[in-house]
């Protein structure tokens, strides 16, 4: 498995990225009320919070497929990895605008987690695209 990821470093980055995403999936889908209370989100938004969590489950399922089932591992998966980079960049920019500039929906419980988490995921996914580029761009 390690050779599929160009060594232990990129395997660890891959695991860190998707374990982090899985934590947010769990918080938004299973621990919805606690997650919403943490950020003072009205409980009427539970459906949309779970909607976002469900989107992230797709990423985790694809990561598990690549890691354990797909015979060629990451080979030819450029679209998946590049889409993650684009999504994380969009979430970072949108959240930065929302928290630091527009401030709509912010309150005393609003933290920089909405900026920090996507930038961390953006860095991790960018490192993966760079480090796995010899494999993911194979067709």
Protein backbone atom coordinates (compact mmCIF):
# COMPACT_ATOMS: atom_id res chain seq x y z
CA UNK A 1 0.00 0.00 0.00
CA UNK A 2 2.83 2.42 0.82
CA UNK A 3 4.24 2.15 -2.72
CA UNK A 4 0.82 3.17 -4.13
CA UNK A 5 1.27 6.51 -2.34
CA UNK A 6 4.93 7.19 -3.27
CA UNK A 7 6.05 6.40 0.27
CA UNK A 8 4.95 6.73 3.85
CA UNK A 9 4.93 10.56 3.85
CA UNK A 10 2.16 10.87 1.26
CA UNK A 11 0.23 7.99 2.80
CA UNK A 12 0.26 9.84 6.13
CA UNK A 13 -0.85 13.06 4.41
CA UNK A 14 -3.65 11.12 2.68
CA UNK A 15 -4.76 9.58 5.97
CA UNK A 16 -4.58 12.88 7.87
CA UNK A 17 -6.65 14.63 5.20
CA UNK A 18 -9.40 12.04 5.05
CA UNK A 19 -9.52 11.32 8.78
CA UNK A 20 -10.05 15.07 9.26
CA UNK A 21 -12.84 15.06 6.69
CA UNK A 22 -14.37 11.97 8.35
CA UNK A 23 -14.39 13.78 11.71
CA UNK A 24 -16.39 16.62 10.17
CA UNK A 25 -18.72 14.05 8.54
CA UNK A 26 -19.38 12.47 11.93
CA UNK A 27 -19.91 15.83 13.63
CA UNK A 28 -22.33 17.11 10.99
CA UNK A 29 -24.32 13.91 10.46
CA UNK A 30 -24.27 12.00 13.77
CA UNK A 31 -23.50 14.82 16.21
CA UNK A 32 -25.53 17.43 14.37
CA UNK A 33 -27.10 19.07 17.42
CA UNK A 34 -23.78 19.32 19.29
CA UNK A 35 -22.04 20.67 16.17
CA UNK A 36 -24.75 23.28 15.68
CA UNK A 37 -24.73 24.30 19.34
CA UNK A 38 -20.93 24.72 19.19
CA UNK A 39 -21.36 27.41 16.54
CA UNK A 40 -24.75 28.71 17.74
CA UNK A 41 -26.45 27.54 14.55
CA UNK A 42 -30.24 27.42 14.74
CA UNK A 43 -31.52 23.83 14.75
CA UNK A 44 -33.75 24.59 11.78
CA UNK A 45 -30.56 24.37 9.69
CA UNK A 46 -29.99 20.69 10.61
CA UNK A 47 -30.98 19.46 7.16
CA UNK A 48 -28.47 21.68 5.37
CA UNK A 49 -25.73 20.85 7.92
CA UNK A 50 -26.33 17.14 7.28
CA UNK A 51 -26.44 17.86 3.52
CA UNK A 52 -22.90 19.24 3.69
CA UNK A 53 -21.82 16.27 5.81
CA UNK A 54 -23.30 13.89 3.24
CA UNK A 55 -21.27 15.55 0.47
CA UNK A 56 -18.11 14.94 2.49
CA UNK A 57 -19.03 11.27 2.97
CA UNK A 58 -18.64 10.88 -0.78
CA UNK A 59 -15.02 12.04 -0.50
CA UNK A 60 -14.33 9.60 2.33
CA UNK A 61 -15.93 6.69 0.46
CA UNK A 62 -13.86 7.49 -2.62
CA UNK A 63 -10.70 7.68 -0.49
CA UNK A 64 -11.47 4.27 1.03
CA UNK A 65 -12.09 2.87 -2.44
CA UNK A 66 -8.76 4.24 -3.70
CA UNK A 67 -6.91 2.98 -0.65
CA UNK A 68 -8.33 -0.51 -0.22
CA UNK A 69 -10.24 -1.64 -3.33
CA UNK A 70 -8.90 0.06 -6.45
CA UNK A 71 -6.20 -2.20 -7.92
CA UNK A 72 -4.09 0.68 -9.23
CA UNK A 73 -4.48 2.82 -6.12
CA UNK A 74 -4.16 6.51 -6.94
CA UNK A 75 -3.20 6.01 -10.61
CA UNK A 76 -5.43 8.05 -12.91
CA UNK A 77 -7.36 9.74 -10.08
CA UNK A 78 -6.34 13.28 -11.01
CA UNK A 79 -9.93 14.51 -11.27
CA UNK A 80 -10.75 13.45 -7.71
CA UNK A 81 -7.66 15.05 -6.18
CA UNK A 82 -7.90 18.24 -8.22
CA UNK A 83 -11.57 18.60 -7.38
CA UNK A 84 -10.67 18.39 -3.68
CA UNK A 85 -8.13 21.20 -4.10
CA UNK A 86 -10.69 23.36 -5.89
CA UNK A 87 -13.41 22.68 -3.31
CA UNK A 88 -11.12 23.39 -0.36
CA UNK A 89 -9.96 26.65 -2.01
CA UNK A 90 -13.58 27.71 -2.63
CA UNK A 91 -14.62 26.87 0.93
CA UNK A 92 -11.64 28.77 2.33
CA UNK A 93 -12.34 31.87 0.21
CA UNK A 94 -16.08 31.79 0.91
CA UNK A 95 -15.59 31.32 4.64
CA UNK A 96 -12.90 34.00 4.81
CA UNK A 97 -15.27 36.43 3.11
CA UNK A 98 -18.17 35.39 5.35
CA UNK A 99 -16.26 35.61 8.63
CA UNK A 100 -13.85 38.49 8.03
CA UNK A 101 -15.63 40.77 5.55
CA UNK A 102 -19.38 40.24 5.22
CA UNK A 103 -20.02 38.93 8.76
CA UNK A 104 -23.57 37.80 7.91
CA UNK A 105 -24.51 35.03 10.32
CA UNK A 106 -21.54 35.54 12.61
CA UNK A 107 -22.02 35.78 16.35
CA UNK A 108 -20.05 35.54 19.60
CA UNK A 109 -19.49 31.80 18.99
CA UNK A 110 -18.05 32.30 15.51
CA UNK A 111 -14.43 31.19 15.42
CA UNK A 112 -11.70 31.07 12.81
CA UNK A 113 -12.19 27.28 12.52
CA UNK A 114 -14.20 27.97 9.35
CA UNK A 115 -11.07 29.52 7.85
CA UNK A 116 -8.37 27.35 9.42
CA UNK A 117 -9.88 23.93 8.63
CA UNK A 118 -10.32 24.54 4.89
CA UNK A 119 -6.85 26.05 4.52
CA UNK A 120 -5.35 23.01 6.27
CA UNK A 121 -7.34 20.69 4.00
CA UNK A 122 -6.28 22.81 0.99
CA UNK A 123 -2.61 22.48 1.93
CA UNK A 124 -2.90 18.74 2.54
CA UNK A 125 -4.73 18.11 -0.74
CA UNK A 126 -2.28 20.33 -2.66
CA UNK A 127 0.66 18.40 -1.21
CA UNK A 128 -1.03 15.19 -2.34
CA UNK A 129 -1.54 16.47 -5.89
CA UNK A 130 2.08 17.56 -6.05
CA UNK A 131 3.54 14.44 -4.46
CA UNK A 132 1.37 11.97 -6.34
CA UNK A 133 1.41 13.78 -9.69
CA UNK A 134 3.51 11.06 -11.35
CA UNK A 135 0.73 8.57 -10.54
CA UNK A 136 -2.54 10.51 -10.54
CA UNK A 137 -1.99 11.91 -14.03
CA UNK A 138 -1.49 8.46 -15.57
CA UNK A 139 -4.41 7.41 -17.73
